[in-house]
């Protein structure tokens, strides 16, 4: 483990290599639609996108046609949705400590996981993982646990606060392209490998959600879209023609924006 002093020094080196380039790809509006009552948007690698709220999920295909809908009330409010594996969507119901899985038609054809049974009933974040597994972040113990396709814990990273030297309170977690991202709005994004090994921290803060596409990290803040190159540590930014961004995601050269006024905007990047 990196010693705290050396670790702090490395963070400084990373932070001062950021470069702000006030230009990026052009935006072409593909769609604008009223979607009142929707609280979030996700997009998968196949070009499908998903609108959701606390009680329902709506799946749209690449031609913007409503493909399927899912609603399940027995587990209470939906607290997390991961569509990075479009063949096995991961849904988290924190109130009852359940993780539910849907196939590509939004049917629950996989066995759900009761987090009580694996000792993770206080998990606040869940995301998909490789080989049909998933990660869970437990707030009281500040630990990461990976659950395999058999519903068993096969890997744990204990006391992340001690590991990073920071008191973190993450709000989003995502495994993408063989890396695990853990985001704290005030501390930044913590990067792990798929085995739970801590790699680095990027001091990117102050936004709601982020997405990752081909090693590029995207997020919206102050009505601007930011693109952070995770290899070159360069940051591009561009003004958005949308006020009050509630949620945004970039996937396969498309930018999906959900505004606070309940309007969905879909742009082509480039």
C-alpha atoms as a PDB file:
ATOM      1  CA  UNK A   1       0.000   0.000   0.000  1.00  0.00           C
ATOM      2  CA  UNK A   2       1.241   3.490  -0.880  1.00  0.00           C
ATOM      3  CA  UNK A   3       2.314   5.449   2.160  1.00  0.00           C
ATOM      4  CA  UNK A   4       0.061   8.479   2.942  1.00  0.00           C
ATOM      5  CA  UNK A   5       2.762  11.092   2.209  1.00  0.00           C
ATOM      6  CA  UNK A   6       3.745   9.522  -1.095  1.00  0.00           C
ATOM      7  CA  UNK A   7       0.102   8.970  -1.964  1.00  0.00           C
ATOM      8  CA  UNK A   8      -0.695  12.650  -1.348  1.00  0.00           C
ATOM      9  CA  UNK A   9       2.281  13.657  -3.507  1.00  0.00           C
ATOM     10  CA  UNK A  10       1.069  11.488  -6.381  1.00  0.00           C
ATOM     11  CA  UNK A  11      -2.397  13.067  -6.167  1.00  0.00           C
ATOM     12  CA  UNK A  12      -0.830  16.501  -6.508  1.00  0.00           C
ATOM     13  CA  UNK A  13       1.141  15.384  -9.572  1.00  0.00           C
ATOM     14  CA  UNK A  14      -2.019  14.033 -11.180  1.00  0.00           C
ATOM     15  CA  UNK A  15      -4.044  17.135 -10.362  1.00  0.00           C
ATOM     16  CA  UNK A  16      -1.572  19.583 -11.902  1.00  0.00           C
ATOM     17  CA  UNK A  17      -1.438  17.659 -15.168  1.00  0.00           C
ATOM     18  CA  UNK A  18      -5.074  18.499 -15.937  1.00  0.00           C
ATOM     19  CA  UNK A  19      -5.439  20.611 -19.075  1.00  0.00           C
ATOM     20  CA  UNK A  20      -8.613  22.484 -19.929  1.00  0.00           C
ATOM     21  CA  UNK A  21      -9.245  22.653 -23.666  1.00  0.00           C
ATOM     22  CA  UNK A  22     -12.369  24.682 -24.382  1.00  0.00           C
ATOM     23  CA  UNK A  23     -13.344  22.793 -27.490  1.00  0.00           C
ATOM     24  CA  UNK A  24     -14.832  19.428 -28.198  1.00  0.00           C
ATOM     25  CA  UNK A  25     -17.034  17.694 -30.740  1.00  0.00           C
ATOM     26  CA  UNK A  26     -20.054  19.478 -32.165  1.00  0.00           C
ATOM     27  CA  UNK A  27     -23.542  18.543 -31.011  1.00  0.00           C
ATOM     28  CA  UNK A  28     -26.346  17.587 -33.390  1.00  0.00           C
ATOM     29  CA  UNK A  29     -29.820  17.325 -31.863  1.00  0.00           C
ATOM     30  CA  UNK A  30     -31.451  13.984 -32.695  1.00  0.00           C
ATOM     31  CA  UNK A  31     -34.449  14.057 -30.385  1.00  0.00           C
ATOM     32  CA  UNK A  32     -36.296  16.236 -27.894  1.00  0.00           C
ATOM     33  CA  UNK A  33     -39.141  14.781 -25.863  1.00  0.00           C
ATOM     34  CA  UNK A  34     -41.220  15.561 -22.782  1.00  0.00           C
ATOM     35  CA  UNK A  35     -40.636  12.805 -20.214  1.00  0.00           C
ATOM     36  CA  UNK A  36     -42.118  14.254 -17.035  1.00  0.00           C
ATOM     37  CA  UNK A  37     -41.958  11.994 -14.000  1.00  0.00           C
ATOM     38  CA  UNK A  38     -38.582  10.509 -15.002  1.00  0.00           C
ATOM     39  CA  UNK A  39     -35.688  10.865 -12.548  1.00  0.00           C
ATOM     40  CA  UNK A  40     -32.763   9.324 -14.442  1.00  0.00           C
ATOM     41  CA  UNK A  41     -31.402   8.007 -17.716  1.00  0.00           C
ATOM     42  CA  UNK A  42     -28.999   5.179 -18.621  1.00  0.00           C
ATOM     43  CA  UNK A  43     -27.595   3.910 -21.927  1.00  0.00           C
ATOM     44  CA  UNK A  44     -26.084   0.534 -22.782  1.00  0.00           C
ATOM     45  CA  UNK A  45     -23.297  -0.425 -25.240  1.00  0.00           C
ATOM     46  CA  UNK A  46     -25.839  -1.682 -27.817  1.00  0.00           C
ATOM     47  CA  UNK A  47     -27.438   1.723 -28.320  1.00  0.00           C
ATOM     48  CA  UNK A  48     -30.486   1.213 -26.129  1.00  0.00           C
ATOM     49  CA  UNK A  49     -31.387   3.779 -23.502  1.00  0.00           C
ATOM     50  CA  UNK A  50     -33.485   3.559 -20.356  1.00  0.00           C
ATOM     51  CA  UNK A  51     -35.649   6.134 -18.603  1.00  0.00           C
ATOM     52  CA  UNK A  52     -36.528   5.353 -15.023  1.00  0.00           C
ATOM     53  CA  UNK A  53     -37.968   6.583 -11.749  1.00  0.00           C
ATOM     54  CA  UNK A  54     -38.462   5.033  -8.334  1.00  0.00           C
ATOM     55  CA  UNK A  55     -41.104   2.578  -9.576  1.00  0.00           C
ATOM     56  CA  UNK A  56     -40.611   1.885 -13.305  1.00  0.00           C
ATOM     57  CA  UNK A  57     -38.045   1.409 -16.096  1.00  0.00           C
ATOM     58  CA  UNK A  58     -38.694   2.166 -19.778  1.00  0.00           C
ATOM     59  CA  UNK A  59     -36.371   0.714 -22.415  1.00  0.00           C
ATOM     60  CA  UNK A  60     -35.968   2.389 -25.828  1.00  0.00           C
ATOM     61  CA  UNK A  61     -34.068   0.887 -28.747  1.00  0.00           C
ATOM     62  CA  UNK A  62     -31.667   2.606 -31.138  1.00  0.00           C
ATOM     63  CA  UNK A  63     -34.559   3.854 -33.291  1.00  0.00           C
ATOM     64  CA  UNK A  64     -36.049   5.610 -30.217  1.00  0.00           C
ATOM     65  CA  UNK A  65     -38.969   3.167 -30.034  1.00  0.00           C
ATOM     66  CA  UNK A  66     -40.304   2.101 -26.639  1.00  0.00           C
ATOM     67  CA  UNK A  67     -39.264  -1.544 -26.509  1.00  0.00           C
ATOM     68  CA  UNK A  68     -40.292  -2.695 -23.045  1.00  0.00           C
ATOM     69  CA  UNK A  69     -41.358  -1.565 -19.585  1.00  0.00           C
ATOM     70  CA  UNK A  70     -40.680  -2.970 -16.130  1.00  0.00           C
ATOM     71  CA  UNK A  71     -42.439  -2.135 -12.867  1.00  0.00           C
ATOM     72  CA  UNK A  72     -42.237  -4.056  -9.604  1.00  0.00           C
ATOM     73  CA  UNK A  73     -43.782  -2.764  -6.396  1.00  0.00           C
ATOM     74  CA  UNK A  74     -43.071  -5.633  -3.997  1.00  0.00           C
ATOM     75  CA  UNK A  75     -39.497  -4.414  -3.358  1.00  0.00           C
ATOM     76  CA  UNK A  76     -40.377  -0.771  -2.762  1.00  0.00           C
ATOM     77  CA  UNK A  77     -38.484   2.079  -4.425  1.00  0.00           C
ATOM     78  CA  UNK A  78     -35.731   1.487  -6.964  1.00  0.00           C
ATOM     79  CA  UNK A  79     -32.488   2.943  -5.610  1.00  0.00           C
ATOM     80  CA  UNK A  80     -30.000   1.862  -8.285  1.00  0.00           C
ATOM     81  CA  UNK A  81     -29.905   0.718 -11.924  1.00  0.00           C
ATOM     82  CA  UNK A  82     -26.929  -0.558 -13.944  1.00  0.00           C
ATOM     83  CA  UNK A  83     -27.346  -1.365 -17.660  1.00  0.00           C
ATOM     84  CA  UNK A  84     -23.669  -1.799 -18.586  1.00  0.00           C
ATOM     85  CA  UNK A  85     -24.448  -5.478 -19.284  1.00  0.00           C
ATOM     86  CA  UNK A  86     -27.534  -5.200 -21.554  1.00  0.00           C
ATOM     87  CA  UNK A  87     -28.156  -8.946 -21.269  1.00  0.00           C
ATOM     88  CA  UNK A  88     -28.377  -8.756 -17.469  1.00  0.00           C
ATOM     89  CA  UNK A  89     -29.527  -5.479 -15.949  1.00  0.00           C
ATOM     90  CA  UNK A  90     -28.799  -4.997 -12.234  1.00  0.00           C
ATOM     91  CA  UNK A  91     -31.428  -3.336 -10.031  1.00  0.00           C
ATOM     92  CA  UNK A  92     -30.858  -2.422  -6.382  1.00  0.00           C
ATOM     93  CA  UNK A  93     -33.652  -2.013  -3.843  1.00  0.00           C
ATOM     94  CA  UNK A  94     -31.835  -0.707  -0.775  1.00  0.00           C
ATOM     95  CA  UNK A  95     -34.926  -0.523   1.456  1.00  0.00           C
ATOM     96  CA  UNK A  96     -35.300  -4.317   1.421  1.00  0.00           C
ATOM     97  CA  UNK A  97     -31.652  -5.179   0.590  1.00  0.00           C
ATOM     98  CA  UNK A  98     -32.515  -6.928  -2.662  1.00  0.00           C
ATOM     99  CA  UNK A  99     -30.672  -7.078  -5.977  1.00  0.00           C
ATOM    100  CA  UNK A 100     -32.865  -8.022  -8.939  1.00  0.00           C
ATOM    101  CA  UNK A 101     -31.688  -8.977 -12.429  1.00  0.00           C
ATOM    102  CA  UNK A 102     -33.528  -8.480 -15.728  1.00  0.00           C
ATOM    103  CA  UNK A 103     -32.803  -9.855 -19.183  1.00  0.00           C
ATOM    104  CA  UNK A 104     -32.722  -7.756 -22.344  1.00  0.00           C
ATOM    105  CA  UNK A 105     -36.526  -7.772 -22.543  1.00  0.00           C
ATOM    106  CA  UNK A 106     -36.802  -6.459 -18.944  1.00  0.00           C
ATOM    107  CA  UNK A 107     -38.056  -9.791 -17.642  1.00  0.00           C
ATOM    108  CA  UNK A 108     -36.742 -11.033 -14.249  1.00  0.00           C
ATOM    109  CA  UNK A 109     -35.397 -14.376 -15.448  1.00  0.00           C
ATOM    110  CA  UNK A 110     -32.388 -14.537 -13.093  1.00  0.00           C
ATOM    111  CA  UNK A 111     -32.484 -15.441  -9.405  1.00  0.00           C
ATOM    112  CA  UNK A 112     -32.458 -12.269  -7.245  1.00  0.00           C
ATOM    113  CA  UNK A 113     -29.919 -11.889  -4.443  1.00  0.00           C
ATOM    114  CA  UNK A 114     -30.952 -11.137  -0.873  1.00  0.00           C
ATOM    115  CA  UNK A 115     -28.117  -9.047   0.551  1.00  0.00           C
ATOM    116  CA  UNK A 116     -29.068 -10.101   4.089  1.00  0.00           C
ATOM    117  CA  UNK A 117     -27.993 -13.628   3.208  1.00  0.00           C
ATOM    118  CA  UNK A 118     -24.455 -12.501   2.305  1.00  0.00           C
ATOM    119  CA  UNK A 119     -24.066 -10.052   5.194  1.00  0.00           C
ATOM    120  CA  UNK A 120     -24.433  -6.903   3.069  1.00  0.00           C
ATOM    121  CA  UNK A 121     -27.849  -5.681   4.157  1.00  0.00           C
ATOM    122  CA  UNK A 122     -26.507  -2.142   4.711  1.00  0.00           C
ATOM    123  CA  UNK A 123     -25.094  -1.785   1.175  1.00  0.00           C
ATOM    124  CA  UNK A 124     -25.932   1.610  -0.308  1.00  0.00           C
ATOM    125  CA  UNK A 125     -24.477   1.101  -3.812  1.00  0.00           C
ATOM    126  CA  UNK A 126     -24.551  -1.832  -6.226  1.00  0.00           C
ATOM    127  CA  UNK A 127     -23.203  -2.184  -9.770  1.00  0.00           C
ATOM    128  CA  UNK A 128     -22.711  -4.945 -12.342  1.00  0.00           C
ATOM    129  CA  UNK A 129     -19.425  -6.823 -12.579  1.00  0.00           C
ATOM    130  CA  UNK A 130     -17.758  -9.244 -14.960  1.00  0.00           C
ATOM    131  CA  UNK A 131     -18.903 -12.877 -15.318  1.00  0.00           C
ATOM    132  CA  UNK A 132     -22.449 -11.982 -14.205  1.00  0.00           C
ATOM    133  CA  UNK A 133     -21.336 -10.823 -10.765  1.00  0.00           C
ATOM    134  CA  UNK A 134     -21.881  -7.510  -9.010  1.00  0.00           C
ATOM    135  CA  UNK A 135     -20.191  -5.146  -6.567  1.00  0.00           C
ATOM    136  CA  UNK A 136     -21.744  -3.789  -3.364  1.00  0.00           C
ATOM    137  CA  UNK A 137     -20.489  -0.889  -1.249  1.00  0.00           C
ATOM    138  CA  UNK A 138     -21.318  -1.171   2.457  1.00  0.00           C
ATOM    139  CA  UNK A 139     -21.494   2.224   4.185  1.00  0.00           C
ATOM    140  CA  UNK A 140     -21.010   1.258   7.872  1.00  0.00           C
ATOM    141  CA  UNK A 141     -17.821  -0.711   7.174  1.00  0.00           C
ATOM    142  CA  UNK A 142     -16.661   1.389   4.184  1.00  0.00           C
ATOM    143  CA  UNK A 143     -16.004  -1.853   2.320  1.00  0.00           C
ATOM    144  CA  UNK A 144     -16.371  -3.178  -1.216  1.00  0.00           C
ATOM    145  CA  UNK A 145     -17.590  -6.720  -1.814  1.00  0.00           C
ATOM    146  CA  UNK A 146     -17.898  -8.609  -5.072  1.00  0.00           C
ATOM    147  CA  UNK A 147     -20.660 -11.218  -5.332  1.00  0.00           C
ATOM    148  CA  UNK A 148     -20.300 -13.843  -8.055  1.00  0.00           C
ATOM    149  CA  UNK A 149     -23.004 -15.394 -10.246  1.00  0.00           C
ATOM    150  CA  UNK A 150     -23.699 -17.997  -7.527  1.00  0.00           C
ATOM    151  CA  UNK A 151     -24.611 -15.319  -4.989  1.00  0.00           C
ATOM    152  CA  UNK A 152     -21.389 -15.759  -2.996  1.00  0.00           C
ATOM    153  CA  UNK A 153     -18.895 -13.118  -1.875  1.00  0.00           C
ATOM    154  CA  UNK A 154     -15.677 -13.927  -3.729  1.00  0.00           C
ATOM    155  CA  UNK A 155     -13.704 -10.736  -3.037  1.00  0.00           C
ATOM    156  CA  UNK A 156     -13.635  -7.967  -0.416  1.00  0.00           C
ATOM    157  CA  UNK A 157     -11.834  -4.670  -0.004  1.00  0.00           C
ATOM    158  CA  UNK A 158     -12.097  -3.683   3.643  1.00  0.00           C
ATOM    159  CA  UNK A 159     -12.080  -0.174   5.121  1.00  0.00           C
ATOM    160  CA  UNK A 160     -11.580   1.930   2.006  1.00  0.00           C
ATOM    161  CA  UNK A 161     -11.247   5.028   4.194  1.00  0.00           C
ATOM    162  CA  UNK A 162      -8.061   3.624   5.678  1.00  0.00           C
ATOM    163  CA  UNK A 163      -6.849   2.479   2.264  1.00  0.00           C
ATOM    164  CA  UNK A 164      -7.306   5.908   0.645  1.00  0.00           C
ATOM    165  CA  UNK A 165      -6.593   8.034   3.709  1.00  0.00           C
ATOM    166  CA  UNK A 166      -9.885   9.882   3.199  1.00  0.00           C
ATOM    167  CA  UNK A 167     -13.360   9.799   4.724  1.00  0.00           C
ATOM    168  CA  UNK A 168     -15.408   8.994   1.628  1.00  0.00           C
ATOM    169  CA  UNK A 169     -19.157   8.884   1.085  1.00  0.00           C
ATOM    170  CA  UNK A 170     -19.718   7.638  -2.475  1.00  0.00           C
ATOM    171  CA  UNK A 171     -22.919   8.172  -4.445  1.00  0.00           C
ATOM    172  CA  UNK A 172     -22.135   6.234  -7.649  1.00  0.00           C
ATOM    173  CA  UNK A 173     -20.243   3.075  -8.558  1.00  0.00           C
ATOM    174  CA  UNK A 174     -19.548   1.640 -12.000  1.00  0.00           C
ATOM    175  CA  UNK A 175     -17.443  -1.163 -13.455  1.00  0.00           C
ATOM    176  CA  UNK A 176     -16.465  -0.424 -17.051  1.00  0.00           C
ATOM    177  CA  UNK A 177     -13.712  -1.713 -19.311  1.00  0.00           C
ATOM    178  CA  UNK A 178     -12.072  -3.813 -16.577  1.00  0.00           C
ATOM    179  CA  UNK A 179     -11.953  -1.035 -13.998  1.00  0.00           C
ATOM    180  CA  UNK A 180     -14.155  -0.087 -11.051  1.00  0.00           C
ATOM    181  CA  UNK A 181     -15.038   3.571 -10.453  1.00  0.00           C
ATOM    182  CA  UNK A 182     -16.257   4.830  -7.070  1.00  0.00           C
ATOM    183  CA  UNK A 183     -17.420   8.455  -6.953  1.00  0.00           C
ATOM    184  CA  UNK A 184     -17.656  10.814  -3.967  1.00  0.00           C
ATOM    185  CA  UNK A 185     -19.021  14.279  -4.975  1.00  0.00           C
ATOM    186  CA  UNK A 186     -16.651  16.083  -2.591  1.00  0.00           C
ATOM    187  CA  UNK A 187     -13.535  13.870  -2.822  1.00  0.00           C
ATOM    188  CA  UNK A 188     -13.467  12.681  -6.444  1.00  0.00           C
ATOM    189  CA  UNK A 189     -13.382   9.410  -8.358  1.00  0.00           C
ATOM    190  CA  UNK A 190     -11.491   6.463  -6.889  1.00  0.00           C
ATOM    191  CA  UNK A 191     -10.258   3.884  -9.376  1.00  0.00           C
ATOM    192  CA  UNK A 192      -9.832   0.173  -8.635  1.00  0.00           C
ATOM    193  CA  UNK A 193      -8.980  -2.797 -10.824  1.00  0.00           C
ATOM    194  CA  UNK A 194     -11.542  -5.563 -11.232  1.00  0.00           C
ATOM    195  CA  UNK A 195      -9.939  -7.502  -8.376  1.00  0.00           C
ATOM    196  CA  UNK A 196     -10.456  -4.617  -5.942  1.00  0.00           C
ATOM    197  CA  UNK A 197      -6.891  -3.279  -6.024  1.00  0.00           C
ATOM    198  CA  UNK A 198      -6.781   0.470  -5.414  1.00  0.00           C
ATOM    199  CA  UNK A 199      -5.096   2.303  -8.303  1.00  0.00           C
ATOM    200  CA  UNK A 200      -5.558   6.070  -8.052  1.00  0.00           C
ATOM    201  CA  UNK A 201      -7.848   9.009  -7.393  1.00  0.00           C
ATOM    202  CA  UNK A 202      -8.927  11.785  -9.732  1.00  0.00           C
ATOM    203  CA  UNK A 203     -10.021  15.016  -7.993  1.00  0.00           C
ATOM    204  CA  UNK A 204     -13.121  15.455 -10.184  1.00  0.00           C
ATOM    205  CA  UNK A 205     -15.930  16.761  -7.994  1.00  0.00           C
ATOM    206  CA  UNK A 206     -19.170  18.717  -7.851  1.00  0.00           C
ATOM    207  CA  UNK A 207     -21.367  16.832 -10.330  1.00  0.00           C
ATOM    208  CA  UNK A 208     -24.248  14.382  -9.964  1.00  0.00           C
ATOM    209  CA  UNK A 209     -23.418  11.431 -12.212  1.00  0.00           C
ATOM    210  CA  UNK A 210     -20.750  10.321 -14.667  1.00  0.00           C
ATOM    211  CA  UNK A 211     -20.364   7.823 -17.501  1.00  0.00           C
ATOM    212  CA  UNK A 212     -17.368   6.112 -19.103  1.00  0.00           C
ATOM    213  CA  UNK A 213     -16.979   5.367 -22.804  1.00  0.00           C
ATOM    214  CA  UNK A 214     -13.708   4.048 -24.310  1.00  0.00           C
ATOM    215  CA  UNK A 215     -11.529   5.335 -21.455  1.00  0.00           C
ATOM    216  CA  UNK A 216     -13.150   8.769 -21.665  1.00  0.00           C
ATOM    217  CA  UNK A 217     -14.982   9.934 -18.559  1.00  0.00           C
ATOM    218  CA  UNK A 218     -17.964  12.276 -19.063  1.00  0.00           C
ATOM    219  CA  UNK A 219     -19.915  14.426 -16.632  1.00  0.00           C
ATOM    220  CA  UNK A 220     -22.000  17.610 -16.589  1.00  0.00           C
ATOM    221  CA  UNK A 221     -21.498  20.573 -14.286  1.00  0.00           C
ATOM    222  CA  UNK A 222     -22.717  24.179 -14.486  1.00  0.00           C
ATOM    223  CA  UNK A 223     -24.427  23.437 -17.823  1.00  0.00           C
ATOM    224  CA  UNK A 224     -21.176  22.243 -19.377  1.00  0.00           C
ATOM    225  CA  UNK A 225     -20.200  18.809 -20.640  1.00  0.00           C
ATOM    226  CA  UNK A 226     -16.754  17.678 -19.505  1.00  0.00           C
ATOM    227  CA  UNK A 227     -14.676  14.966 -21.133  1.00  0.00           C
ATOM    228  CA  UNK A 228     -11.775  13.676 -19.060  1.00  0.00           C
ATOM    229  CA  UNK A 229      -9.140  11.578 -20.794  1.00  0.00           C
ATOM    230  CA  UNK A 230      -8.135   8.975 -18.201  1.00  0.00           C
ATOM    231  CA  UNK A 231      -4.837   8.222 -19.983  1.00  0.00           C
ATOM    232  CA  UNK A 232      -3.595  11.716 -20.792  1.00  0.00           C
ATOM    233  CA  UNK A 233      -5.176  13.474 -17.771  1.00  0.00           C
ATOM    234  CA  UNK A 234      -6.583  16.156 -20.063  1.00  0.00           C
ATOM    235  CA  UNK A 235      -9.987  17.697 -19.624  1.00  0.00           C
ATOM    236  CA  UNK A 236     -12.126  19.068 -22.465  1.00  0.00           C
ATOM    237  CA  UNK A 237     -15.250  21.135 -21.892  1.00  0.00           C
ATOM    238  CA  UNK A 238     -18.092  22.516 -23.958  1.00  0.00           C
ATOM    239  CA  UNK A 239     -21.165  24.601 -23.215  1.00  0.00           C
ATOM    240  CA  UNK A 240     -24.485  22.783 -23.372  1.00  0.00           C
ATOM    241  CA  UNK A 241     -27.632  24.210 -24.999  1.00  0.00           C
ATOM    242  CA  UNK A 242     -29.631  22.851 -22.039  1.00  0.00           C
ATOM    243  CA  UNK A 243     -30.292  24.577 -18.724  1.00  0.00           C
ATOM    244  CA  UNK A 244     -30.742  22.687 -15.473  1.00  0.00           C
ATOM    245  CA  UNK A 245     -29.233  19.276 -16.284  1.00  0.00           C
ATOM    246  CA  UNK A 246     -30.665  16.588 -13.992  1.00  0.00           C
ATOM    247  CA  UNK A 247     -28.833  13.588 -15.429  1.00  0.00           C
ATOM    248  CA  UNK A 248     -26.614  12.910 -18.443  1.00  0.00           C
ATOM    249  CA  UNK A 249     -24.787   9.984 -20.011  1.00  0.00           C
ATOM    250  CA  UNK A 250     -22.510   9.482 -23.022  1.00  0.00           C
ATOM    251  CA  UNK A 251     -22.470   6.135 -24.813  1.00  0.00           C
ATOM    252  CA  UNK A 252     -21.383   5.291 -28.376  1.00  0.00           C
ATOM    253  CA  UNK A 253     -21.117   8.905 -29.599  1.00  0.00           C
ATOM    254  CA  UNK A 254     -24.499   9.864 -28.246  1.00  0.00           C
ATOM    255  CA  UNK A 255     -25.157  12.310 -25.443  1.00  0.00           C
ATOM    256  CA  UNK A 256     -28.378  11.829 -23.486  1.00  0.00           C
ATOM    257  CA  UNK A 257     -29.483  14.717 -21.279  1.00  0.00           C
ATOM    258  CA  UNK A 258     -32.431  14.747 -18.891  1.00  0.00           C
ATOM    259  CA  UNK A 259     -33.315  18.275 -17.795  1.00  0.00           C
ATOM    260  CA  UNK A 260     -34.826  19.287 -14.481  1.00  0.00           C
ATOM    261  CA  UNK A 261     -37.901  20.467 -16.384  1.00  0.00           C
ATOM    262  CA  UNK A 262     -38.575  16.907 -17.585  1.00  0.00           C
ATOM    263  CA  UNK A 263     -37.266  17.169 -21.153  1.00  0.00           C
ATOM    264  CA  UNK A 264     -35.089  14.487 -22.773  1.00  0.00           C
ATOM    265  CA  UNK A 265     -32.472  15.644 -25.269  1.00  0.00           C
ATOM    266  CA  UNK A 266     -30.487  13.205 -27.410  1.00  0.00           C
ATOM    267  CA  UNK A 267     -27.472  14.579 -29.286  1.00  0.00           C
ATOM    268  CA  UNK A 268     -24.940  13.050 -31.627  1.00  0.00           C
ATOM    269  CA  UNK A 269     -21.358  13.859 -30.674  1.00  0.00           C
ATOM    270  CA  UNK A 270     -19.068  14.638 -33.574  1.00  0.00           C
END
